[in-house]
Amino acid sequence: MNLDNNKELILTMIQTLISKYGLLLNSNQTAEVLGISSRTLDERRKSCSDCPNYIEGNGKKSFMFPVQNIVEYQLKKSQQSVKTIF
């Protein structure tokens, strides 16, 4: 994928998430976007591995995930995926 297509993809992903959720997603919304359970996301967050960067809120269990961090995480994961040729 060339750089121009990548920029277009990033912008599309960000705009789509913002239109559905807003700029910041809570844990449940983020888990939904990533296709995992909120418990899995919470475990990954606690272990500081395989999780988008987040912002801690005022409450002890309040975590917000900026849209751009989720998109960055998704793109990074897609680059690590196994490519097959048929």
PDB file of N, CA and C in Angstrom:
ATOM      1  N   MET A   1       0.856  -1.177   0.000  1.00  0.00           N
ATOM      2  CA  MET A   1       0.000   0.000   0.000  1.00  0.00           C
ATOM      3  C   MET A   1       0.899   1.236   0.000  1.00  0.00           C
ATOM      4  N   ASN A   2       0.640   2.157  -0.912  1.00  0.00           N
ATOM      5  CA  ASN A   2       1.477   3.342  -0.960  1.00  0.00           C
ATOM      6  C   ASN A   2       1.050   4.368   0.084  1.00  0.00           C
ATOM      7  N   LEU A   3       1.873   5.390   0.261  1.00  0.00           N
ATOM      8  CA  LEU A   3       1.663   6.373   1.322  1.00  0.00           C
ATOM      9  C   LEU A   3       0.366   7.139   1.173  1.00  0.00           C
ATOM     10  N   ASP A   4      -0.001   7.540  -0.049  1.00  0.00           N
ATOM     11  CA  ASP A   4      -1.236   8.297  -0.260  1.00  0.00           C
ATOM     12  C   ASP A   4      -2.467   7.461   0.105  1.00  0.00           C
ATOM     13  N   ASN A   5      -2.481   6.196  -0.289  1.00  0.00           N
ATOM     14  CA  ASN A   5      -3.597   5.318   0.074  1.00  0.00           C
ATOM     15  C   ASN A   5      -3.650   5.108   1.579  1.00  0.00           C
ATOM     16  N   ASN A   6      -2.479   5.016   2.217  1.00  0.00           N
ATOM     17  CA  ASN A   6      -2.416   4.831   3.656  1.00  0.00           C
ATOM     18  C   ASN A   6      -2.992   6.052   4.381  1.00  0.00           C
ATOM     19  N   LYS A   7      -2.655   7.248   3.935  1.00  0.00           N
ATOM     20  CA  LYS A   7      -3.193   8.475   4.530  1.00  0.00           C
ATOM     21  C   LYS A   7      -4.703   8.525   4.370  1.00  0.00           C
ATOM     22  N   GLU A   8      -5.168   8.157   3.204  1.00  0.00           N
ATOM     23  CA  GLU A   8      -6.611   8.154   2.937  1.00  0.00           C
ATOM     24  C   GLU A   8      -7.315   7.140   3.839  1.00  0.00           C
ATOM     25  N   LEU A   9      -6.712   5.978   3.999  1.00  0.00           N
ATOM     26  CA  LEU A   9      -7.276   4.942   4.864  1.00  0.00           C
ATOM     27  C   LEU A   9      -7.329   5.421   6.313  1.00  0.00           C
ATOM     28  N   ILE A  10      -6.262   6.023   6.784  1.00  0.00           N
ATOM     29  CA  ILE A  10      -6.214   6.538   8.156  1.00  0.00           C
ATOM     30  C   ILE A  10      -7.302   7.577   8.376  1.00  0.00           C
ATOM     31  N   LEU A  11      -7.429   8.517   7.465  1.00  0.00           N
ATOM     32  CA  LEU A  11      -8.455   9.556   7.597  1.00  0.00           C
ATOM     33  C   LEU A  11      -9.859   8.967   7.593  1.00  0.00           C
ATOM     34  N   THR A  12     -10.089   8.007   6.728  1.00  0.00           N
ATOM     35  CA  THR A  12     -11.401   7.358   6.661  1.00  0.00           C
ATOM     36  C   THR A  12     -11.713   6.625   7.960  1.00  0.00           C
ATOM     37  N   MET A  13     -10.739   5.905   8.476  1.00  0.00           N
ATOM     38  CA  MET A  13     -10.936   5.171   9.728  1.00  0.00           C
ATOM     39  C   MET A  13     -11.226   6.131  10.882  1.00  0.00           C
ATOM     40  N   ILE A  14     -10.454   7.199  10.969  1.00  0.00           N
ATOM     41  CA  ILE A  14     -10.646   8.182  12.043  1.00  0.00           C
ATOM     42  C   ILE A  14     -12.017   8.836  11.928  1.00  0.00           C
ATOM     43  N   GLN A  15     -12.389   9.276  10.734  1.00  0.00           N
ATOM     44  CA  GLN A  15     -13.686   9.938  10.542  1.00  0.00           C
ATOM     45  C   GLN A  15     -14.843   9.000  10.863  1.00  0.00           C
ATOM     46  N   THR A  16     -14.721   7.735  10.493  1.00  0.00           N
ATOM     47  CA  THR A  16     -15.785   6.767  10.764  1.00  0.00           C
ATOM     48  C   THR A  16     -15.969   6.567  12.262  1.00  0.00           C
ATOM     49  N   LEU A  17     -14.873   6.398  12.979  1.00  0.00           N
ATOM     50  CA  LEU A  17     -14.969   6.209  14.425  1.00  0.00           C
ATOM     51  C   LEU A  17     -15.486   7.452  15.130  1.00  0.00           C
ATOM     52  N   ILE A  18     -15.031   8.628  14.712  1.00  0.00           N
ATOM     53  CA  ILE A  18     -15.491   9.873  15.328  1.00  0.00           C
ATOM     54  C   ILE A  18     -16.984  10.056  15.103  1.00  0.00           C
ATOM     55  N   SER A  19     -17.458   9.749  13.897  1.00  0.00           N
ATOM     56  CA  SER A  19     -18.886   9.945  13.621  1.00  0.00           C
ATOM     57  C   SER A  19     -19.754   8.994  14.441  1.00  0.00           C
ATOM     58  N   LYS A  20     -19.223   7.823  14.788  1.00  0.00           N
ATOM     59  CA  LYS A  20     -20.006   6.864  15.565  1.00  0.00           C
ATOM     60  C   LYS A  20     -19.852   7.057  17.079  1.00  0.00           C
ATOM     61  N   TYR A  21     -18.625   7.336  17.549  1.00  0.00           N
ATOM     62  CA  TYR A  21     -18.356   7.358  18.979  1.00  0.00           C
ATOM     63  C   TYR A  21     -17.916   8.706  19.546  1.00  0.00           C
ATOM     64  N   GLY A  22     -17.372   9.576  18.724  1.00  0.00           N
ATOM     65  CA  GLY A  22     -16.766  10.805  19.227  1.00  0.00           C
ATOM     66  C   GLY A  22     -15.248  10.646  19.259  1.00  0.00           C
ATOM     67  N   LEU A  23     -14.563  11.621  19.852  1.00  0.00           N
ATOM     68  CA  LEU A  23     -13.099  11.619  19.846  1.00  0.00           C
ATOM     69  C   LEU A  23     -12.477  10.613  20.802  1.00  0.00           C
ATOM     70  N   LEU A  24     -13.171  10.337  21.904  1.00  0.00           N
ATOM     71  CA  LEU A  24     -12.661   9.413  22.911  1.00  0.00           C
ATOM     72  C   LEU A  24     -13.641   8.267  23.100  1.00  0.00           C
ATOM     73  N   LEU A  25     -13.123   7.058  23.147  1.00  0.00           N
ATOM     74  CA  LEU A  25     -13.959   5.876  23.341  1.00  0.00           C
ATOM     75  C   LEU A  25     -13.692   5.300  24.727  1.00  0.00           C
ATOM     76  N   ASN A  26     -14.740   4.792  25.356  1.00  0.00           N
ATOM     77  CA  ASN A  26     -14.537   4.114  26.630  1.00  0.00           C
ATOM     78  C   ASN A  26     -14.076   2.682  26.351  1.00  0.00           C
ATOM     79  N   SER A  27     -13.843   1.917  27.402  1.00  0.00           N
ATOM     80  CA  SER A  27     -13.323   0.552  27.242  1.00  0.00           C
ATOM     81  C   SER A  27     -14.273  -0.348  26.462  1.00  0.00           C
ATOM     82  N   ASN A  28     -15.565  -0.252  26.743  1.00  0.00           N
ATOM     83  CA  ASN A  28     -16.535  -1.099  26.046  1.00  0.00           C
ATOM     84  C   ASN A  28     -16.580  -0.782  24.556  1.00  0.00           C
ATOM     85  N   GLN A  29     -16.569   0.505  24.212  1.00  0.00           N
ATOM     86  CA  GLN A  29     -16.588   0.905  22.806  1.00  0.00           C
ATOM     87  C   GLN A  29     -15.313   0.464  22.097  1.00  0.00           C
ATOM     88  N   THR A  30     -14.189   0.634  22.762  1.00  0.00           N
ATOM     89  CA  THR A  30     -12.906   0.249  22.170  1.00  0.00           C
ATOM     90  C   THR A  30     -12.855  -1.256  21.923  1.00  0.00           C
ATOM     91  N   ALA A  31     -13.312  -2.020  22.898  1.00  0.00           N
ATOM     92  CA  ALA A  31     -13.343  -3.474  22.737  1.00  0.00           C
ATOM     93  C   ALA A  31     -14.227  -3.860  21.558  1.00  0.00           C
ATOM     94  N   GLU A  32     -15.369  -3.186  21.412  1.00  0.00           N
ATOM     95  CA  GLU A  32     -16.273  -3.455  20.286  1.00  0.00           C
ATOM     96  C   GLU A  32     -15.578  -3.194  18.958  1.00  0.00           C
ATOM     97  N   VAL A  33     -14.885  -2.068  18.862  1.00  0.00           N
ATOM     98  CA  VAL A  33     -14.180  -1.710  17.627  1.00  0.00           C
ATOM     99  C   VAL A  33     -13.099  -2.741  17.309  1.00  0.00           C
ATOM    100  N   LEU A  34     -12.398  -3.206  18.332  1.00  0.00           N
ATOM    101  CA  LEU A  34     -11.303  -4.149  18.124  1.00  0.00           C
ATOM    102  C   LEU A  34     -11.772  -5.589  17.956  1.00  0.00           C
ATOM    103  N   GLY A  35     -13.047  -5.832  18.249  1.00  0.00           N
ATOM    104  CA  GLY A  35     -13.584  -7.178  18.101  1.00  0.00           C
ATOM    105  C   GLY A  35     -13.155  -8.124  19.204  1.00  0.00           C
ATOM    106  N   ILE A  36     -12.928  -7.576  20.399  1.00  0.00           N
ATOM    107  CA  ILE A  36     -12.555  -8.387  21.551  1.00  0.00           C
ATOM    108  C   ILE A  36     -13.493  -8.046  22.702  1.00  0.00           C
ATOM    109  N   SER A  37     -13.443  -8.823  23.752  1.00  0.00           N
ATOM    110  CA  SER A  37     -14.286  -8.523  24.914  1.00  0.00           C
ATOM    111  C   SER A  37     -13.656  -7.391  25.728  1.00  0.00           C
ATOM    112  N   SER A  38     -14.479  -6.705  26.494  1.00  0.00           N
ATOM    113  CA  SER A  38     -13.962  -5.633  27.342  1.00  0.00           C
ATOM    114  C   SER A  38     -13.029  -6.208  28.414  1.00  0.00           C
ATOM    115  N   ARG A  39     -13.293  -7.443  28.817  1.00  0.00           N
ATOM    116  CA  ARG A  39     -12.414  -8.087  29.797  1.00  0.00           C
ATOM    117  C   ARG A  39     -11.024  -8.326  29.197  1.00  0.00           C
ATOM    118  N   THR A  40     -10.984  -8.794  27.950  1.00  0.00           N
ATOM    119  CA  THR A  40      -9.699  -8.997  27.272  1.00  0.00           C
ATOM    120  C   THR A  40      -8.943  -7.683  27.142  1.00  0.00           C
ATOM    121  N   LEU A  41      -9.645  -6.633  26.755  1.00  0.00           N
ATOM    122  CA  LEU A  41      -9.012  -5.314  26.640  1.00  0.00           C
ATOM    123  C   LEU A  41      -8.468  -4.878  27.996  1.00  0.00           C
ATOM    124  N   ASP A  42      -9.241  -5.069  29.051  1.00  0.00           N
ATOM    125  CA  ASP A  42      -8.818  -4.684  30.394  1.00  0.00           C
ATOM    126  C   ASP A  42      -7.572  -5.469  30.815  1.00  0.00           C
ATOM    127  N   GLU A  43      -7.540  -6.760  30.524  1.00  0.00           N
ATOM    128  CA  GLU A  43      -6.368  -7.576  30.869  1.00  0.00           C
ATOM    129  C   GLU A  43      -5.136  -7.116  30.089  1.00  0.00           C
ATOM    130  N   ARG A  44      -5.322  -6.810  28.819  1.00  0.00           N
ATOM    131  CA  ARG A  44      -4.201  -6.316  28.013  1.00  0.00           C
ATOM    132  C   ARG A  44      -3.713  -4.969  28.532  1.00  0.00           C
ATOM    133  N   ARG A  45      -4.654  -4.109  28.902  1.00  0.00           N
ATOM    134  CA  ARG A  45      -4.288  -2.796  29.434  1.00  0.00           C
ATOM    135  C   ARG A  45      -3.490  -2.944  30.723  1.00  0.00           C
ATOM    136  N   LYS A  46      -3.942  -3.815  31.613  1.00  0.00           N
ATOM    137  CA  LYS A  46      -3.252  -4.031  32.896  1.00  0.00           C
ATOM    138  C   LYS A  46      -1.856  -4.611  32.702  1.00  0.00           C
ATOM    139  N   SER A  47      -1.688  -5.448  31.692  1.00  0.00           N
ATOM    140  CA  SER A  47      -0.377  -6.053  31.442  1.00  0.00           C
ATOM    141  C   SER A  47       0.505  -5.169  30.551  1.00  0.00           C
ATOM    142  N   CYS A  48      -0.043  -4.054  30.104  1.00  0.00           N
ATOM    143  CA  CYS A  48       0.691  -3.099  29.252  1.00  0.00           C
ATOM    144  C   CYS A  48       1.197  -3.754  27.967  1.00  0.00           C
ATOM    145  N   SER A  49       0.366  -4.632  27.395  1.00  0.00           N
ATOM    146  CA  SER A  49       0.770  -5.263  26.143  1.00  0.00           C
ATOM    147  C   SER A  49      -0.425  -5.440  25.218  1.00  0.00           C
ATOM    148  N   ASP A  50      -0.175  -5.259  23.942  1.00  0.00           N
ATOM    149  CA  ASP A  50      -1.171  -5.490  22.895  1.00  0.00           C
ATOM    150  C   ASP A  50      -2.457  -4.705  23.139  1.00  0.00           C
ATOM    151  N   CYS A  51      -2.287  -3.401  23.357  1.00  0.00           N
ATOM    152  CA  CYS A  51      -3.420  -2.539  23.682  1.00  0.00           C
ATOM    153  C   CYS A  51      -3.133  -1.129  23.148  1.00  0.00           C
ATOM    154  N   PRO A  52      -4.161  -0.441  22.623  1.00  0.00           N
ATOM    155  CA  PRO A  52      -3.945   0.951  22.199  1.00  0.00           C
ATOM    156  C   PRO A  52      -3.597   1.833  23.402  1.00  0.00           C
ATOM    157  N   ASN A  53      -2.859   2.890  23.149  1.00  0.00           N
ATOM    158  CA  ASN A  53      -2.558   3.845  24.218  1.00  0.00           C
ATOM    159  C   ASN A  53      -3.847   4.492  24.696  1.00  0.00           C
ATOM    160  N   TYR A  54      -3.914   4.795  25.971  1.00  0.00           N
ATOM    161  CA  TYR A  54      -5.136   5.315  26.575  1.00  0.00           C
ATOM    162  C   TYR A  54      -4.825   6.461  27.530  1.00  0.00           C
ATOM    163  N   ILE A  55      -5.887   7.098  27.980  1.00  0.00           N
ATOM    164  CA  ILE A  55      -5.803   8.196  28.943  1.00  0.00           C
ATOM    165  C   ILE A  55      -6.570   7.760  30.183  1.00  0.00           C
ATOM    166  N   GLU A  56      -5.960   7.934  31.345  1.00  0.00           N
ATOM    167  CA  GLU A  56      -6.666   7.618  32.580  1.00  0.00           C
ATOM    168  C   GLU A  56      -7.573   8.784  32.941  1.00  0.00           C
ATOM    169  N   GLY A  57      -8.809   8.456  33.288  1.00  0.00           N
ATOM    170  CA  GLY A  57      -9.779   9.477  33.683  1.00  0.00           C
ATOM    171  C   GLY A  57      -9.709   9.766  35.171  1.00  0.00           C
ATOM    172  N   ASN A  58     -10.704  10.462  35.667  1.00  0.00           N
ATOM    173  CA  ASN A  58     -10.743  10.834  37.077  1.00  0.00           C
ATOM    174  C   ASN A  58     -10.959   9.632  37.988  1.00  0.00           C
ATOM    175  N   GLY A  59     -11.846   8.735  37.588  1.00  0.00           N
ATOM    176  CA  GLY A  59     -12.150   7.571  38.400  1.00  0.00           C
ATOM    177  C   GLY A  59     -11.079   6.504  38.295  1.00  0.00           C
ATOM    178  N   LYS A  60     -11.068   5.612  39.267  1.00  0.00           N
ATOM    179  CA  LYS A  60     -10.075   4.547  39.306  1.00  0.00           C
ATOM    180  C   LYS A  60     -10.194   3.630  38.087  1.00  0.00           C
ATOM    181  N   LYS A  61     -11.421   3.396  37.636  1.00  0.00           N
ATOM    182  CA  LYS A  61     -11.646   2.489  36.510  1.00  0.00           C
ATOM    183  C   LYS A  61     -12.039   3.219  35.232  1.00  0.00           C
ATOM    184  N   SER A  62     -11.706   4.487  35.150  1.00  0.00           N
ATOM    185  CA  SER A  62     -12.083   5.290  33.998  1.00  0.00           C
ATOM    186  C   SER A  62     -10.899   5.422  33.040  1.00  0.00           C
ATOM    187  N   PHE A  63     -11.047   4.808  31.872  1.00  0.00           N
ATOM    188  CA  PHE A  63     -10.003   4.870  30.857  1.00  0.00           C
ATOM    189  C   PHE A  63     -10.645   5.278  29.539  1.00  0.00           C
ATOM    190  N   MET A  64     -10.010   6.201  28.841  1.00  0.00           N
ATOM    191  CA  MET A  64     -10.508   6.666  27.556  1.00  0.00           C
ATOM    192  C   MET A  64      -9.435   6.409  26.498  1.00  0.00           C
ATOM    193  N   PHE A  65      -9.896   5.978  25.341  1.00  0.00           N
ATOM    194  CA  PHE A  65      -8.997   5.649  24.238  1.00  0.00           C
ATOM    195  C   PHE A  65      -9.223   6.646  23.100  1.00  0.00           C
ATOM    196  N   PRO A  66      -8.240   7.525  22.814  1.00  0.00           N
ATOM    197  CA  PRO A  66      -8.379   8.451  21.691  1.00  0.00           C
ATOM    198  C   PRO A  66      -8.490   7.699  20.366  1.00  0.00           C
ATOM    199  N   VAL A  67      -9.347   8.191  19.496  1.00  0.00           N
ATOM    200  CA  VAL A  67      -9.594   7.553  18.201  1.00  0.00           C
ATOM    201  C   VAL A  67      -8.293   7.328  17.434  1.00  0.00           C
ATOM    202  N   GLN A  68      -7.424   8.312  17.394  1.00  0.00           N
ATOM    203  CA  GLN A  68      -6.195   8.170  16.606  1.00  0.00           C
ATOM    204  C   GLN A  68      -5.316   7.045  17.155  1.00  0.00           C
ATOM    205  N   ASN A  69      -5.347   6.791  18.467  1.00  0.00           N
ATOM    206  CA  ASN A  69      -4.563   5.699  19.040  1.00  0.00           C
ATOM    207  C   ASN A  69      -5.133   4.341  18.642  1.00  0.00           C
ATOM    208  N   ILE A  70      -6.446   4.259  18.561  1.00  0.00           N
ATOM    209  CA  ILE A  70      -7.090   3.011  18.153  1.00  0.00           C
ATOM    210  C   ILE A  70      -6.768   2.709  16.693  1.00  0.00           C
ATOM    211  N   VAL A  71      -6.846   3.728  15.845  1.00  0.00           N
ATOM    212  CA  VAL A  71      -6.534   3.539  14.425  1.00  0.00           C
ATOM    213  C   VAL A  71      -5.064   3.144  14.252  1.00  0.00           C
ATOM    214  N   GLU A  72      -4.187   3.806  14.959  1.00  0.00           N
ATOM    215  CA  GLU A  72      -2.761   3.480  14.894  1.00  0.00           C
ATOM    216  C   GLU A  72      -2.527   2.027  15.320  1.00  0.00           C
ATOM    217  N   TYR A  73      -3.184   1.613  16.380  1.00  0.00           N
ATOM    218  CA  TYR A  73      -3.072   0.238  16.870  1.00  0.00           C
ATOM    219  C   TYR A  73      -3.576  -0.757  15.820  1.00  0.00           C
ATOM    220  N   GLN A  74      -4.725  -0.473  15.218  1.00  0.00           N
ATOM    221  CA  GLN A  74      -5.291  -1.369  14.214  1.00  0.00           C
ATOM    222  C   GLN A  74      -4.371  -1.497  13.001  1.00  0.00           C
ATOM    223  N   LEU A  75      -3.806  -0.387  12.557  1.00  0.00           N
ATOM    224  CA  LEU A  75      -2.906  -0.438  11.403  1.00  0.00           C
ATOM    225  C   LEU A  75      -1.635  -1.209  11.727  1.00  0.00           C
ATOM    226  N   LYS A  76      -1.113  -1.016  12.923  1.00  0.00           N
ATOM    227  CA  LYS A  76       0.083  -1.738  13.345  1.00  0.00           C
ATOM    228  C   LYS A  76      -0.194  -3.244  13.381  1.00  0.00           C
ATOM    229  N   LYS A  77      -1.359  -3.626  13.919  1.00  0.00           N
ATOM    230  CA  LYS A  77      -1.733  -5.039  13.980  1.00  0.00           C
ATOM    231  C   LYS A  77      -1.912  -5.624  12.578  1.00  0.00           C
ATOM    232  N   SER A  78      -2.498  -4.847  11.664  1.00  0.00           N
ATOM    233  CA  SER A  78      -2.721  -5.361  10.308  1.00  0.00           C
ATOM    234  C   SER A  78      -1.408  -5.560   9.562  1.00  0.00           C
ATOM    235  N   GLN A  79      -0.398  -4.766   9.879  1.00  0.00           N
ATOM    236  CA  GLN A  79       0.913  -4.935   9.246  1.00  0.00           C
ATOM    237  C   GLN A  79       1.623  -6.176   9.766  1.00  0.00           C
ATOM    238  N   GLN A  80       1.255  -6.621  10.964  1.00  0.00           N
ATOM    239  CA  GLN A  80       1.857  -7.814  11.560  1.00  0.00           C
ATOM    240  C   GLN A  80       1.156  -9.101  11.142  1.00  0.00           C
ATOM    241  N   SER A  81       0.046  -8.955  10.438  1.00  0.00           N
ATOM    242  CA  SER A  81      -0.725 -10.140  10.063  1.00  0.00           C
ATOM    243  C   SER A  81      -0.014 -10.948   8.985  1.00  0.00           C
ATOM    244  N   VAL A  82      -0.370 -12.196   8.899  1.00  0.00           N
ATOM    245  CA  VAL A  82       0.214 -13.091   7.917  1.00  0.00           C
ATOM    246  C   VAL A  82      -0.496 -12.888   6.582  1.00  0.00           C
ATOM    247  N   LYS A  83       0.279 -12.696   5.552  1.00  0.00           N
ATOM    248  CA  LYS A  83      -0.301 -12.500   4.211  1.00  0.00           C
ATOM    249  C   LYS A  83      -0.182 -13.804   3.451  1.00  0.00           C
ATOM    250  N   THR A  84      -1.269 -14.194   2.827  1.00  0.00           N
ATOM    251  CA  THR A  84      -1.269 -15.406   2.020  1.00  0.00           C
ATOM    252  C   THR A  84      -1.542 -15.064   0.574  1.00  0.00           C
ATOM    253  N   ILE A  85      -1.004 -15.856  -0.315  1.00  0.00           N
ATOM    254  CA  ILE A  85      -1.213 -15.663  -1.745  1.00  0.00           C
ATOM    255  C   ILE A  85      -1.899 -16.895  -2.282  1.00  0.00           C
ATOM    256  N   PHE A  86      -2.996 -16.686  -2.983  1.00  0.00           N
ATOM    257  CA  PHE A  86      -3.737 -17.790  -3.578  1.00  0.00           C
ATOM    258  C   PHE A  86      -3.483 -17.872  -5.048  1.00  0.00           C
TER     259      PHE A  86
END
